[in-house]
Amino acid sequence: MRQAPRKQVYFFEDYRLPVLLGSLADSWQADQLRAPLHKLVQEDTKGTLQKTLRQYFLQDCDLHPCAEALFIHPNTLRYRLTRIEQITGLNFNKLDDKFLLYLGLNLDS
């Protein structure tokens, strides 16, 4: 319900990942997945980088649609993603690192 609070009917196929991650929410594993995001939250007091990261994943990691959705220049988006990498210590060019960020965001949703 956190994903789409106004919906009245939910299908497992539409929310597979949040449902599967739900059982992890209060575990030490979830805390480990959220750790890089906690660093980001501490550094990003205005929430700009967090919003950018969410939109980046919503746009399937495609820079141009993401920049358009955020109403920013693609170079600004690249700068923000670089800042996220510096703060979290994770690299968007490494699938494992990108997946860790994605899972952490989905656990916090």
PDB file of N, CA and C in Angstrom:
ATOM      1  N   MET A   1       0.818  -1.195   0.000  1.00  0.00           N
ATOM      2  CA  MET A   1       0.000   0.000   0.000  1.00  0.00           C
ATOM      3  C   MET A   1       0.861   1.257   0.000  1.00  0.00           C
ATOM      4  N   ARG A   2       2.108   1.150   0.500  1.00  0.00           N
ATOM      5  CA  ARG A   2       2.999   2.318   0.483  1.00  0.00           C
ATOM      6  C   ARG A   2       3.376   2.696  -0.939  1.00  0.00           C
ATOM      7  N   GLN A   3       3.421   1.733  -1.836  1.00  0.00           N
ATOM      8  CA  GLN A   3       3.811   1.991  -3.215  1.00  0.00           C
ATOM      9  C   GLN A   3       2.738   2.782  -3.977  1.00  0.00           C
ATOM     10  N   ALA A   4       1.485   2.458  -3.749  1.00  0.00           N
ATOM     11  CA  ALA A   4       0.365   3.117  -4.447  1.00  0.00           C
ATOM     12  C   ALA A   4      -0.831   3.187  -3.502  1.00  0.00           C
ATOM     13  N   PRO A   5      -0.828   4.138  -2.574  1.00  0.00           N
ATOM     14  CA  PRO A   5      -1.855   4.176  -1.536  1.00  0.00           C
ATOM     15  C   PRO A   5      -3.281   4.406  -2.030  1.00  0.00           C
ATOM     16  N   ARG A   6      -3.454   4.952  -3.207  1.00  0.00           N
ATOM     17  CA  ARG A   6      -4.809   5.258  -3.694  1.00  0.00           C
ATOM     18  C   ARG A   6      -5.456   4.100  -4.442  1.00  0.00           C
ATOM     19  N   LYS A   7      -4.695   3.072  -4.713  1.00  0.00           N
ATOM     20  CA  LYS A   7      -5.255   1.916  -5.403  1.00  0.00           C
ATOM     21  C   LYS A   7      -6.131   1.116  -4.452  1.00  0.00           C
ATOM     22  N   GLN A   8      -7.123   0.457  -5.028  1.00  0.00           N
ATOM     23  CA  GLN A   8      -7.989  -0.383  -4.210  1.00  0.00           C
ATOM     24  C   GLN A   8      -7.711  -1.868  -4.414  1.00  0.00           C
ATOM     25  N   VAL A   9      -7.141  -2.212  -5.575  1.00  0.00           N
ATOM     26  CA  VAL A   9      -6.824  -3.601  -5.868  1.00  0.00           C
ATOM     27  C   VAL A   9      -5.337  -3.684  -6.211  1.00  0.00           C
ATOM     28  N   TYR A  10      -4.657  -4.627  -5.582  1.00  0.00           N
ATOM     29  CA  TYR A  10      -3.222  -4.811  -5.800  1.00  0.00           C
ATOM     30  C   TYR A  10      -2.973  -6.211  -6.339  1.00  0.00           C
ATOM     31  N   PHE A  11      -2.124  -6.291  -7.339  1.00  0.00           N
ATOM     32  CA  PHE A  11      -1.758  -7.579  -7.906  1.00  0.00           C
ATOM     33  C   PHE A  11      -0.290  -7.847  -7.603  1.00  0.00           C
ATOM     34  N   PHE A  12      -0.015  -9.062  -7.178  1.00  0.00           N
ATOM     35  CA  PHE A  12       1.347  -9.458  -6.831  1.00  0.00           C
ATOM     36  C   PHE A  12       2.323  -9.166  -7.967  1.00  0.00           C
ATOM     37  N   GLU A  13       1.904  -9.440  -9.201  1.00  0.00           N
ATOM     38  CA  GLU A  13       2.773  -9.252 -10.359  1.00  0.00           C
ATOM     39  C   GLU A  13       3.235  -7.799 -10.499  1.00  0.00           C
ATOM     40  N   ASP A  14       2.409  -6.855 -10.066  1.00  0.00           N
ATOM     41  CA  ASP A  14       2.739  -5.432 -10.178  1.00  0.00           C
ATOM     42  C   ASP A  14       3.684  -4.964  -9.078  1.00  0.00           C
ATOM     43  N   TYR A  15       3.711  -5.672  -7.964  1.00  0.00           N
ATOM     44  CA  TYR A  15       4.503  -5.240  -6.798  1.00  0.00           C
ATOM     45  C   TYR A  15       5.354  -6.372  -6.251  1.00  0.00           C
ATOM     46  N   ARG A  16       5.855  -7.193  -7.142  1.00  0.00           N
ATOM     47  CA  ARG A  16       6.609  -8.386  -6.748  1.00  0.00           C
ATOM     48  C   ARG A  16       7.797  -8.060  -5.839  1.00  0.00           C
ATOM     49  N   LEU A  17       8.640  -7.128  -6.261  1.00  0.00           N
ATOM     50  CA  LEU A  17       9.841  -6.825  -5.482  1.00  0.00           C
ATOM     51  C   LEU A  17       9.506  -6.259  -4.097  1.00  0.00           C
ATOM     52  N   PRO A  18       8.635  -5.255  -3.977  1.00  0.00           N
ATOM     53  CA  PRO A  18       8.310  -4.767  -2.631  1.00  0.00           C
ATOM     54  C   PRO A  18       7.706  -5.847  -1.722  1.00  0.00           C
ATOM     55  N   VAL A  19       6.902  -6.727  -2.305  1.00  0.00           N
ATOM     56  CA  VAL A  19       6.310  -7.805  -1.503  1.00  0.00           C
ATOM     57  C   VAL A  19       7.398  -8.763  -1.020  1.00  0.00           C
ATOM     58  N   LEU A  20       8.297  -9.132  -1.908  1.00  0.00           N
ATOM     59  CA  LEU A  20       9.358 -10.060  -1.535  1.00  0.00           C
ATOM     60  C   LEU A  20      10.334  -9.436  -0.539  1.00  0.00           C
ATOM     61  N   LEU A  21      10.573  -8.143  -0.657  1.00  0.00           N
ATOM     62  CA  LEU A  21      11.474  -7.463   0.272  1.00  0.00           C
ATOM     63  C   LEU A  21      10.809  -7.155   1.609  1.00  0.00           C
ATOM     64  N   GLY A  22       9.494  -7.188   1.644  1.00  0.00           N
ATOM     65  CA  GLY A  22       8.763  -6.852   2.862  1.00  0.00           C
ATOM     66  C   GLY A  22       9.162  -7.686   4.062  1.00  0.00           C
ATOM     67  N   SER A  23       9.447  -8.945   3.853  1.00  0.00           N
ATOM     68  CA  SER A  23       9.831  -9.807   4.973  1.00  0.00           C
ATOM     69  C   SER A  23      11.233  -9.495   5.488  1.00  0.00           C
ATOM     70  N   LEU A  24      12.018  -8.783   4.707  1.00  0.00           N
ATOM     71  CA  LEU A  24      13.366  -8.390   5.120  1.00  0.00           C
ATOM     72  C   LEU A  24      13.381  -7.096   5.927  1.00  0.00           C
ATOM     73  N   ALA A  25      12.310  -6.351   5.887  1.00  0.00           N
ATOM     74  CA  ALA A  25      12.280  -4.963   6.360  1.00  0.00           C
ATOM     75  C   ALA A  25      12.892  -4.742   7.743  1.00  0.00           C
ATOM     76  N   ASP A  26      12.705  -5.641   8.663  1.00  0.00           N
ATOM     77  CA  ASP A  26      13.190  -5.438  10.035  1.00  0.00           C
ATOM     78  C   ASP A  26      14.398  -6.303  10.377  1.00  0.00           C
ATOM     79  N   SER A  27      15.130  -6.717   9.363  1.00  0.00           N
ATOM     80  CA  SER A  27      16.259  -7.618   9.607  1.00  0.00           C
ATOM     81  C   SER A  27      17.586  -6.873   9.545  1.00  0.00           C
ATOM     82  N   TRP A  28      18.628  -7.528   9.999  1.00  0.00           N
ATOM     83  CA  TRP A  28      19.963  -6.934   9.924  1.00  0.00           C
ATOM     84  C   TRP A  28      20.418  -6.825   8.470  1.00  0.00           C
ATOM     85  N   GLN A  29      19.915  -7.729   7.604  1.00  0.00           N
ATOM     86  CA  GLN A  29      20.260  -7.656   6.188  1.00  0.00           C
ATOM     87  C   GLN A  29      19.713  -6.372   5.566  1.00  0.00           C
ATOM     88  N   ALA A  30      18.508  -6.013   5.935  1.00  0.00           N
ATOM     89  CA  ALA A  30      17.913  -4.772   5.426  1.00  0.00           C
ATOM     90  C   ALA A  30      18.709  -3.567   5.911  1.00  0.00           C
ATOM     91  N   ASP A  31      19.168  -3.620   7.149  1.00  0.00           N
ATOM     92  CA  ASP A  31      19.998  -2.522   7.670  1.00  0.00           C
ATOM     93  C   ASP A  31      21.276  -2.370   6.855  1.00  0.00           C
ATOM     94  N   GLN A  32      21.852  -3.488   6.455  1.00  0.00           N
ATOM     95  CA  GLN A  32      23.057  -3.442   5.624  1.00  0.00           C
ATOM     96  C   GLN A  32      22.760  -2.865   4.242  1.00  0.00           C
ATOM     97  N   LEU A  33      21.612  -3.222   3.680  1.00  0.00           N
ATOM     98  CA  LEU A  33      21.227  -2.690   2.373  1.00  0.00           C
ATOM     99  C   LEU A  33      20.924  -1.193   2.423  1.00  0.00           C
ATOM    100  N   ARG A  34      20.409  -0.741   3.556  1.00  0.00           N
ATOM    101  CA  ARG A  34      20.067   0.679   3.713  1.00  0.00           C
ATOM    102  C   ARG A  34      21.267   1.556   4.078  1.00  0.00           C
ATOM    103  N   ALA A  35      22.350   0.967   4.535  1.00  0.00           N
ATOM    104  CA  ALA A  35      23.495   1.736   5.038  1.00  0.00           C
ATOM    105  C   ALA A  35      24.004   2.799   4.063  1.00  0.00           C
ATOM    106  N   PRO A  36      24.209   2.492   2.787  1.00  0.00           N
ATOM    107  CA  PRO A  36      24.674   3.546   1.876  1.00  0.00           C
ATOM    108  C   PRO A  36      23.668   4.691   1.751  1.00  0.00           C
ATOM    109  N   LEU A  37      22.387   4.372   1.819  1.00  0.00           N
ATOM    110  CA  LEU A  37      21.367   5.414   1.711  1.00  0.00           C
ATOM    111  C   LEU A  37      21.335   6.304   2.946  1.00  0.00           C
ATOM    112  N   HIS A  38      21.669   5.745   4.090  1.00  0.00           N
ATOM    113  CA  HIS A  38      21.722   6.569   5.306  1.00  0.00           C
ATOM    114  C   HIS A  38      22.832   7.607   5.196  1.00  0.00           C
ATOM    115  N   LYS A  39      23.944   7.219   4.585  1.00  0.00           N
ATOM    116  CA  LYS A  39      25.011   8.191   4.338  1.00  0.00           C
ATOM    117  C   LYS A  39      24.499   9.302   3.425  1.00  0.00           C
ATOM    118  N   LEU A  40      23.760   8.913   2.401  1.00  0.00           N
ATOM    119  CA  LEU A  40      23.220   9.886   1.455  1.00  0.00           C
ATOM    120  C   LEU A  40      22.244  10.834   2.139  1.00  0.00           C
ATOM    121  N   VAL A  41      21.383  10.313   2.979  1.00  0.00           N
ATOM    122  CA  VAL A  41      20.410  11.140   3.700  1.00  0.00           C
ATOM    123  C   VAL A  41      21.119  12.148   4.601  1.00  0.00           C
ATOM    124  N   GLN A  42      22.178  11.728   5.252  1.00  0.00           N
ATOM    125  CA  GLN A  42      22.926  12.635   6.139  1.00  0.00           C
ATOM    126  C   GLN A  42      23.579  13.770   5.371  1.00  0.00           C
ATOM    127  N   GLU A  43      24.103  13.486   4.190  1.00  0.00           N
ATOM    128  CA  GLU A  43      24.790  14.500   3.386  1.00  0.00           C
ATOM    129  C   GLU A  43      23.828  15.367   2.582  1.00  0.00           C
ATOM    130  N   ASP A  44      22.717  14.808   2.200  1.00  0.00           N
ATOM    131  CA  ASP A  44      21.763  15.460   1.293  1.00  0.00           C
ATOM    132  C   ASP A  44      20.592  16.039   2.084  1.00  0.00           C
ATOM    133  N   THR A  45      20.847  17.131   2.779  1.00  0.00           N
ATOM    134  CA  THR A  45      19.828  17.694   3.673  1.00  0.00           C
ATOM    135  C   THR A  45      18.594  18.211   2.938  1.00  0.00           C
ATOM    136  N   LYS A  46      18.748  18.643   1.694  1.00  0.00           N
ATOM    137  CA  LYS A  46      17.604  19.143   0.931  1.00  0.00           C
ATOM    138  C   LYS A  46      16.853  18.025   0.203  1.00  0.00           C
ATOM    139  N   GLY A  47      17.429  16.862   0.130  1.00  0.00           N
ATOM    140  CA  GLY A  47      16.769  15.720  -0.508  1.00  0.00           C
ATOM    141  C   GLY A  47      16.902  15.675  -2.020  1.00  0.00           C
ATOM    142  N   THR A  48      17.692  16.557  -2.586  1.00  0.00           N
ATOM    143  CA  THR A  48      17.835  16.622  -4.044  1.00  0.00           C
ATOM    144  C   THR A  48      18.446  15.347  -4.609  1.00  0.00           C
ATOM    145  N   LEU A  49      19.475  14.854  -3.985  1.00  0.00           N
ATOM    146  CA  LEU A  49      20.141  13.656  -4.491  1.00  0.00           C
ATOM    147  C   LEU A  49      19.267  12.417  -4.317  1.00  0.00           C
ATOM    148  N   GLN A  50      18.509  12.373  -3.230  1.00  0.00           N
ATOM    149  CA  GLN A  50      17.597  11.251  -3.015  1.00  0.00           C
ATOM    150  C   GLN A  50      16.507  11.236  -4.084  1.00  0.00           C
ATOM    151  N   LYS A  51      15.957  12.400  -4.365  1.00  0.00           N
ATOM    152  CA  LYS A  51      14.934  12.517  -5.411  1.00  0.00           C
ATOM    153  C   LYS A  51      15.517  12.124  -6.765  1.00  0.00           C
ATOM    154  N   THR A  52      16.737  12.549  -7.024  1.00  0.00           N
ATOM    155  CA  THR A  52      17.415  12.214  -8.275  1.00  0.00           C
ATOM    156  C   THR A  52      17.599  10.707  -8.391  1.00  0.00           C
ATOM    157  N   LEU A  53      18.034  10.066  -7.324  1.00  0.00           N
ATOM    158  CA  LEU A  53      18.258   8.623  -7.350  1.00  0.00           C
ATOM    159  C   LEU A  53      16.954   7.869  -7.594  1.00  0.00           C
ATOM    160  N   ARG A  54      15.899   8.274  -6.922  1.00  0.00           N
ATOM    161  CA  ARG A  54      14.592   7.625  -7.131  1.00  0.00           C
ATOM    162  C   ARG A  54      14.141   7.759  -8.586  1.00  0.00           C
ATOM    163  N   GLN A  55      14.259   8.959  -9.118  1.00  0.00           N
ATOM    164  CA  GLN A  55      13.837   9.197 -10.502  1.00  0.00           C
ATOM    165  C   GLN A  55      14.717   8.423 -11.483  1.00  0.00           C
ATOM    166  N   TYR A  56      15.996   8.335 -11.191  1.00  0.00           N
ATOM    167  CA  TYR A  56      16.926   7.576 -12.033  1.00  0.00           C
ATOM    168  C   TYR A  56      16.472   6.122 -12.156  1.00  0.00           C
ATOM    169  N   PHE A  57      16.088   5.522 -11.046  1.00  0.00           N
ATOM    170  CA  PHE A  57      15.611   4.142 -11.092  1.00  0.00           C
ATOM    171  C   PHE A  57      14.218   4.047 -11.701  1.00  0.00           C
ATOM    172  N   LEU A  58      13.352   5.030 -11.463  1.00  0.00           N
ATOM    173  CA  LEU A  58      12.029   5.035 -12.084  1.00  0.00           C
ATOM    174  C   LEU A  58      12.130   5.099 -13.604  1.00  0.00           C
ATOM    175  N   GLN A  59      13.176   5.750 -14.096  1.00  0.00           N
ATOM    176  CA  GLN A  59      13.391   5.866 -15.541  1.00  0.00           C
ATOM    177  C   GLN A  59      14.306   4.751 -16.066  1.00  0.00           C
ATOM    178  N   ASP A  60      14.415   3.682 -15.320  1.00  0.00           N
ATOM    179  CA  ASP A  60      15.210   2.510 -15.708  1.00  0.00           C
ATOM    180  C   ASP A  60      16.656   2.867 -16.034  1.00  0.00           C
ATOM    181  N   CYS A  61      17.207   3.789 -15.252  1.00  0.00           N
ATOM    182  CA  CYS A  61      18.614   4.195 -15.357  1.00  0.00           C
ATOM    183  C   CYS A  61      18.948   4.839 -16.704  1.00  0.00           C
ATOM    184  N   ASP A  62      17.960   5.384 -17.369  1.00  0.00           N
ATOM    185  CA  ASP A  62      18.160   6.066 -18.648  1.00  0.00           C
ATOM    186  C   ASP A  62      18.318   7.559 -18.371  1.00  0.00           C
ATOM    187  N   LEU A  63      19.486   8.107 -18.696  1.00  0.00           N
ATOM    188  CA  LEU A  63      19.824   9.481 -18.323  1.00  0.00           C
ATOM    189  C   LEU A  63      18.893  10.539 -18.907  1.00  0.00           C
ATOM    190  N   HIS A  64      18.613  10.459 -20.175  1.00  0.00           N
ATOM    191  CA  HIS A  64      17.858  11.534 -20.809  1.00  0.00           C
ATOM    192  C   HIS A  64      16.405  11.622 -20.317  1.00  0.00           C
ATOM    193  N   PRO A  65      15.663  10.520 -20.259  1.00  0.00           N
ATOM    194  CA  PRO A  65      14.316  10.628 -19.685  1.00  0.00           C
ATOM    195  C   PRO A  65      14.338  11.063 -18.210  1.00  0.00           C
ATOM    196  N   CYS A  66      15.365  10.636 -17.499  1.00  0.00           N
ATOM    197  CA  CYS A  66      15.488  11.032 -16.089  1.00  0.00           C
ATOM    198  C   CYS A  66      15.716  12.530 -15.980  1.00  0.00           C
ATOM    199  N   ALA A  67      16.628  13.065 -16.781  1.00  0.00           N
ATOM    200  CA  ALA A  67      16.901  14.507 -16.768  1.00  0.00           C
ATOM    201  C   ALA A  67      15.643  15.285 -17.142  1.00  0.00           C
ATOM    202  N   GLU A  68      14.904  14.800 -18.130  1.00  0.00           N
ATOM    203  CA  GLU A  68      13.661  15.467 -18.535  1.00  0.00           C
ATOM    204  C   GLU A  68      12.636  15.446 -17.403  1.00  0.00           C
ATOM    205  N   ALA A  69      12.495  14.315 -16.736  1.00  0.00           N
ATOM    206  CA  ALA A  69      11.523  14.201 -15.643  1.00  0.00           C
ATOM    207  C   ALA A  69      11.881  15.123 -14.479  1.00  0.00           C
ATOM    208  N   LEU A  70      13.180  15.347 -14.275  1.00  0.00           N
ATOM    209  CA  LEU A  70      13.633  16.227 -13.192  1.00  0.00           C
ATOM    210  C   LEU A  70      13.759  17.688 -13.636  1.00  0.00           C
ATOM    211  N   PHE A  71      13.545  17.937 -14.934  1.00  0.00           N
ATOM    212  CA  PHE A  71      13.668  19.283 -15.502  1.00  0.00           C
ATOM    213  C   PHE A  71      15.070  19.853 -15.289  1.00  0.00           C
ATOM    214  N   ILE A  72      16.074  18.997 -15.554  1.00  0.00           N
ATOM    215  CA  ILE A  72      17.467  19.427 -15.433  1.00  0.00           C
ATOM    216  C   ILE A  72      18.229  19.012 -16.685  1.00  0.00           C
ATOM    217  N   HIS A  73      19.391  19.589 -16.886  1.00  0.00           N
ATOM    218  CA  HIS A  73      20.266  19.241 -18.004  1.00  0.00           C
ATOM    219  C   HIS A  73      20.909  17.880 -17.708  1.00  0.00           C
ATOM    220  N   PRO A  74      21.135  17.061 -18.728  1.00  0.00           N
ATOM    221  CA  PRO A  74      21.792  15.762 -18.502  1.00  0.00           C
ATOM    222  C   PRO A  74      23.139  15.871 -17.783  1.00  0.00           C
ATOM    223  N   ASN A  75      23.878  16.942 -18.021  1.00  0.00           N
ATOM    224  CA  ASN A  75      25.153  17.107 -17.312  1.00  0.00           C
ATOM    225  C   ASN A  75      24.936  17.331 -15.815  1.00  0.00           C
ATOM    226  N   THR A  76      23.854  18.015 -15.466  1.00  0.00           N
ATOM    227  CA  THR A  76      23.512  18.198 -14.051  1.00  0.00           C
ATOM    228  C   THR A  76      23.191  16.852 -13.428  1.00  0.00           C
ATOM    229  N   LEU A  77      22.472  16.022 -14.173  1.00  0.00           N
ATOM    230  CA  LEU A  77      22.160  14.682 -13.690  1.00  0.00           C
ATOM    231  C   LEU A  77      23.442  13.875 -13.490  1.00  0.00           C
ATOM    232  N   ARG A  78      24.346  13.942 -14.443  1.00  0.00           N
ATOM    233  CA  ARG A  78      25.618  13.222 -14.307  1.00  0.00           C
ATOM    234  C   ARG A  78      26.388  13.696 -13.074  1.00  0.00           C
ATOM    235  N   TYR A  79      26.377  15.000 -12.832  1.00  0.00           N
ATOM    236  CA  TYR A  79      27.043  15.539 -11.641  1.00  0.00           C
ATOM    237  C   TYR A  79      26.406  14.978 -10.370  1.00  0.00           C
ATOM    238  N   ARG A  80      25.076  14.969 -10.323  1.00  0.00           N
ATOM    239  CA  ARG A  80      24.385  14.455  -9.138  1.00  0.00           C
ATOM    240  C   ARG A  80      24.676  12.976  -8.916  1.00  0.00           C
ATOM    241  N   LEU A  81      24.685  12.203  -9.983  1.00  0.00           N
ATOM    242  CA  LEU A  81      24.989  10.774  -9.846  1.00  0.00           C
ATOM    243  C   LEU A  81      26.420  10.560  -9.358  1.00  0.00           C
ATOM    244  N   THR A  82      27.323  11.390  -9.814  1.00  0.00           N
ATOM    245  CA  THR A  82      28.706  11.326  -9.329  1.00  0.00           C
ATOM    246  C   THR A  82      28.762  11.647  -7.841  1.00  0.00           C
ATOM    247  N   ARG A  83      28.012  12.641  -7.401  1.00  0.00           N
ATOM    248  CA  ARG A  83      27.953  12.991  -5.972  1.00  0.00           C
ATOM    249  C   ARG A  83      27.386  11.821  -5.166  1.00  0.00           C
ATOM    250  N   ILE A  84      26.370  11.161  -5.695  1.00  0.00           N
ATOM    251  CA  ILE A  84      25.790  10.000  -5.007  1.00  0.00           C
ATOM    252  C   ILE A  84      26.844   8.910  -4.873  1.00  0.00           C
ATOM    253  N   GLU A  85      27.617   8.688  -5.919  1.00  0.00           N
ATOM    254  CA  GLU A  85      28.694   7.698  -5.864  1.00  0.00           C
ATOM    255  C   GLU A  85      29.729   8.067  -4.806  1.00  0.00           C
ATOM    256  N   GLN A  86      30.111   9.328  -4.758  1.00  0.00           N
ATOM    257  CA  GLN A  86      31.113   9.777  -3.784  1.00  0.00           C
ATOM    258  C   GLN A  86      30.610   9.595  -2.351  1.00  0.00           C
ATOM    259  N   ILE A  87      29.372   9.931  -2.118  1.00  0.00           N
ATOM    260  CA  ILE A  87      28.817   9.860  -0.761  1.00  0.00           C
ATOM    261  C   ILE A  87      28.618   8.417  -0.313  1.00  0.00           C
ATOM    262  N   THR A  88      28.051   7.590  -1.193  1.00  0.00           N
ATOM    263  CA  THR A  88      27.723   6.213  -0.808  1.00  0.00           C
ATOM    264  C   THR A  88      28.902   5.258  -0.932  1.00  0.00           C
ATOM    265  N   GLY A  89      29.886   5.633  -1.743  1.00  0.00           N
ATOM    266  CA  GLY A  89      31.005   4.734  -1.986  1.00  0.00           C
ATOM    267  C   GLY A  89      30.672   3.635  -2.966  1.00  0.00           C
ATOM    268  N   LEU A  90      29.539   3.764  -3.648  1.00  0.00           N
ATOM    269  CA  LEU A  90      29.114   2.763  -4.622  1.00  0.00           C
ATOM    270  C   LEU A  90      29.239   3.336  -6.030  1.00  0.00           C
ATOM    271  N   ASN A  91      29.442   2.462  -7.004  1.00  0.00           N
ATOM    272  CA  ASN A  91      29.698   2.865  -8.381  1.00  0.00           C
ATOM    273  C   ASN A  91      28.545   2.404  -9.272  1.00  0.00           C
ATOM    274  N   PHE A  92      27.931   3.353 -10.002  1.00  0.00           N
ATOM    275  CA  PHE A  92      26.815   3.012 -10.886  1.00  0.00           C
ATOM    276  C   PHE A  92      27.232   2.120 -12.048  1.00  0.00           C
ATOM    277  N   ASN A  93      28.516   2.053 -12.354  1.00  0.00           N
ATOM    278  CA  ASN A  93      28.984   1.194 -13.440  1.00  0.00           C
ATOM    279  C   ASN A  93      29.159  -0.254 -13.006  1.00  0.00           C
ATOM    280  N   LYS A  94      29.020  -0.525 -11.729  1.00  0.00           N
ATOM    281  CA  LYS A  94      29.089  -1.891 -11.212  1.00  0.00           C
ATOM    282  C   LYS A  94      27.669  -2.336 -10.886  1.00  0.00           C
ATOM    283  N   LEU A  95      27.244  -3.398 -11.503  1.00  0.00           N
ATOM    284  CA  LEU A  95      25.877  -3.882 -11.338  1.00  0.00           C
ATOM    285  C   LEU A  95      25.549  -4.183  -9.871  1.00  0.00           C
ATOM    286  N   ASP A  96      26.470  -4.809  -9.152  1.00  0.00           N
ATOM    287  CA  ASP A  96      26.231  -5.119  -7.743  1.00  0.00           C
ATOM    288  C   ASP A  96      25.974  -3.845  -6.936  1.00  0.00           C
ATOM    289  N   ASP A  97      26.770  -2.813  -7.182  1.00  0.00           N
ATOM    290  CA  ASP A  97      26.617  -1.551  -6.455  1.00  0.00           C
ATOM    291  C   ASP A  97      25.284  -0.884  -6.798  1.00  0.00           C
ATOM    292  N   LYS A  98      24.957  -0.873  -8.071  1.00  0.00           N
ATOM    293  CA  LYS A  98      23.684  -0.272  -8.501  1.00  0.00           C
ATOM    294  C   LYS A  98      22.511  -1.032  -7.884  1.00  0.00           C
ATOM    295  N   PHE A  99      22.627  -2.341  -7.851  1.00  0.00           N
ATOM    296  CA  PHE A  99      21.570  -3.178  -7.283  1.00  0.00           C
ATOM    297  C   PHE A  99      21.422  -2.940  -5.781  1.00  0.00           C
ATOM    298  N   LEU A 100      22.534  -2.743  -5.085  1.00  0.00           N
ATOM    299  CA  LEU A 100      22.480  -2.442  -3.648  1.00  0.00           C
ATOM    300  C   LEU A 100      21.708  -1.145  -3.403  1.00  0.00           C
ATOM    301  N   LEU A 101      21.980  -0.133  -4.203  1.00  0.00           N
ATOM    302  CA  LEU A 101      21.244   1.134  -4.073  1.00  0.00           C
ATOM    303  C   LEU A 101      19.761   0.940  -4.367  1.00  0.00           C
ATOM    304  N   TYR A 102      19.480   0.182  -5.401  1.00  0.00           N
ATOM    305  CA  TYR A 102      18.083  -0.059  -5.794  1.00  0.00           C
ATOM    306  C   TYR A 102      17.327  -0.796  -4.689  1.00  0.00           C
ATOM    307  N   LEU A 103      17.945  -1.835  -4.148  1.00  0.00           N
ATOM    308  CA  LEU A 103      17.295  -2.577  -3.075  1.00  0.00           C
ATOM    309  C   LEU A 103      17.102  -1.712  -1.829  1.00  0.00           C
ATOM    310  N   GLY A 104      18.121  -0.941  -1.488  1.00  0.00           N
ATOM    311  CA  GLY A 104      18.015  -0.055  -0.337  1.00  0.00           C
ATOM    312  C   GLY A 104      16.875   0.925  -0.489  1.00  0.00           C
ATOM    313  N   LEU A 105      16.716   1.487  -1.675  1.00  0.00           N
ATOM    314  CA  LEU A 105      15.605   2.417  -1.926  1.00  0.00           C
ATOM    315  C   LEU A 105      14.259   1.714  -1.801  1.00  0.00           C
ATOM    316  N   ASN A 106      14.179   0.500  -2.328  1.00  0.00           N
ATOM    317  CA  ASN A 106      12.927  -0.231  -2.265  1.00  0.00           C
ATOM    318  C   ASN A 106      12.574  -0.669  -0.845  1.00  0.00           C
ATOM    319  N   LEU A 107      13.563  -0.883  -0.025  1.00  0.00           N
ATOM    320  CA  LEU A 107      13.289  -1.225   1.367  1.00  0.00           C
ATOM    321  C   LEU A 107      12.798  -0.005   2.138  1.00  0.00           C
ATOM    322  N   ASP A 108      13.244   1.184   1.735  1.00  0.00           N
ATOM    323  CA  ASP A 108      12.822   2.403   2.412  1.00  0.00           C
ATOM    324  C   ASP A 108      11.486   2.940   1.913  1.00  0.00           C
ATOM    325  N   SER A 109      11.000   2.422   0.795  1.00  0.00           N
ATOM    326  CA  SER A 109       9.739   2.916   0.214  1.00  0.00           C
ATOM    327  C   SER A 109       8.561   2.617   1.092  1.00  0.00           C
TER     328      SER A 109
END
